[in-house]
Amino acid sequence: MRKLVFILGIFFLVSCGGQKKQNEGHDSSAQVALTEVTLNVGGMHCDMCVASIEKGVGAVEGVEFVNAELSDSTTVVKFNETETNLAQITQAIEKRGYRLKE
């Protein structure tokens, strides 16, 4: 009986130690602040345009969120400035055949 308790205790310690290592590096207090911009995009006419913009901008590394709205021709983008910038996002929009309005 003592051997069984000892073995279970060792198993428990090993299991908990492994989980701690998996969670290291995922500290929620170390989250990177995201930059949010709202862009006015010209040339959107339909839902396919919205999908195209969302797909193109969403593929840019560092973009965490993108939502294009046909009703007011805006696109909201949240991105990590250490991984991308507004110029790369603009380029992704223009590559899809759209342009930014002022």
Protein backbone atom coordinates (compact mmCIF):
# COMPACT_ATOMS: atom_id res chain seq x y z
CA MET A 1 0.00 0.00 0.00
CA ARG A 2 2.80 2.43 0.84
CA LYS A 3 4.45 1.73 -2.50
CA LEU A 4 1.21 2.56 -4.32
CA VAL A 5 0.83 5.87 -2.45
CA PHE A 6 4.49 6.69 -3.12
CA ILE A 7 4.15 5.90 -6.84
CA LEU A 8 0.95 7.95 -7.12
CA GLY A 9 2.66 10.84 -5.32
CA ILE A 10 5.59 10.75 -7.74
CA PHE A 11 3.21 10.57 -10.70
CA PHE A 12 1.29 13.59 -9.40
CA LEU A 13 4.46 15.66 -8.95
CA VAL A 14 5.69 14.80 -12.42
CA SER A 15 2.30 15.62 -13.94
CA CYS A 16 2.06 19.01 -12.24
CA GLY A 17 5.62 19.90 -13.16
CA GLY A 18 4.96 19.19 -16.82
CA GLN A 19 1.90 21.41 -16.87
CA LYS A 20 3.80 24.25 -15.29
CA LYS A 21 6.38 24.09 -18.06
CA GLN A 22 3.65 24.12 -20.71
CA ASN A 23 2.13 27.27 -19.25
CA GLU A 24 5.43 29.12 -18.97
CA GLY A 25 5.71 31.81 -21.61
CA HIS A 26 1.93 32.25 -21.68
CA ASP A 27 1.76 34.69 -18.81
CA SER A 28 -1.32 36.84 -19.41
CA SER A 29 0.40 39.84 -17.81
CA ALA A 30 2.99 39.76 -20.61
CA GLN A 31 0.46 40.35 -23.40
CA VAL A 32 1.47 42.80 -26.10
CA ALA A 33 -0.70 45.87 -26.54
CA LEU A 34 -2.43 45.98 -29.90
CA THR A 35 -2.91 49.06 -32.05
CA GLU A 36 -6.41 49.60 -33.43
CA VAL A 37 -7.10 51.65 -36.55
CA THR A 38 -10.24 52.32 -38.55
CA LEU A 39 -9.58 52.71 -42.26
CA ASN A 40 -11.91 54.14 -44.90
CA VAL A 41 -11.68 51.81 -47.88
CA GLY A 42 -12.86 52.81 -51.33
CA GLY A 43 -14.14 50.35 -53.90
CA MET A 44 -16.13 47.98 -51.68
CA HIS A 45 -19.41 47.10 -53.43
CA CYS A 46 -20.50 43.71 -52.10
CA ASP A 47 -19.97 40.98 -49.51
CA MET A 48 -17.24 39.44 -51.66
CA CYS A 49 -15.31 42.72 -51.40
CA VAL A 50 -15.63 42.56 -47.62
CA ALA A 51 -14.43 38.95 -47.59
CA SER A 52 -11.50 39.77 -49.87
CA ILE A 53 -10.31 42.64 -47.67
CA GLU A 54 -10.69 40.59 -44.49
CA LYS A 55 -8.78 37.69 -46.02
CA GLY A 56 -5.97 39.87 -47.38
CA VAL A 57 -5.47 41.95 -44.25
CA GLY A 58 -5.95 38.93 -41.99
CA ALA A 59 -3.06 37.20 -43.75
CA VAL A 60 -0.62 39.95 -42.76
CA GLU A 61 1.59 38.67 -39.94
CA GLY A 62 0.86 40.59 -36.75
CA VAL A 63 -2.78 41.32 -37.57
CA GLU A 64 -4.90 39.96 -34.73
CA PHE A 65 -8.34 41.19 -35.83
CA VAL A 66 -9.93 42.60 -38.98
CA ASN A 67 -13.55 43.53 -39.66
CA ALA A 68 -14.64 45.22 -42.89
CA GLU A 69 -18.06 46.89 -43.00
CA LEU A 70 -19.78 47.37 -46.34
CA SER A 71 -22.38 49.78 -44.92
CA ASP A 72 -19.88 52.54 -44.19
CA SER A 73 -16.83 51.32 -46.17
CA THR A 74 -14.65 51.02 -43.06
CA THR A 75 -12.25 48.36 -41.93
CA VAL A 76 -11.21 48.00 -38.31
CA VAL A 77 -7.80 46.40 -37.83
CA LYS A 78 -6.05 45.44 -34.58
CA PHE A 79 -2.39 44.64 -34.99
CA ASN A 80 0.88 44.19 -33.14
CA GLU A 81 3.22 47.04 -34.12
CA THR A 82 6.28 44.92 -33.38
CA GLU A 83 5.26 42.53 -36.18
CA THR A 84 3.65 44.77 -38.80
CA ASN A 85 2.76 48.37 -39.57
CA LEU A 86 0.10 50.45 -41.28
CA ALA A 87 2.03 50.51 -44.57
CA GLN A 88 1.95 46.70 -44.83
CA ILE A 89 -1.77 46.65 -44.04
CA THR A 90 -2.42 49.34 -46.66
CA GLN A 91 -0.39 47.35 -49.18
CA ALA A 92 -2.52 44.25 -48.49
CA ILE A 93 -5.69 46.28 -49.17
CA GLU A 94 -4.29 47.82 -52.37
CA LYS A 95 -3.05 44.42 -53.57
CA ARG A 96 -6.70 43.29 -53.50
CA GLY A 97 -7.69 46.19 -55.76
CA TYR A 98 -9.04 48.64 -53.17
CA ARG A 99 -7.77 52.02 -52.04
CA LEU A 100 -7.77 53.98 -48.81
CA LYS A 101 -9.92 57.10 -48.72
CA GLU A 102 -9.01 60.14 -46.65
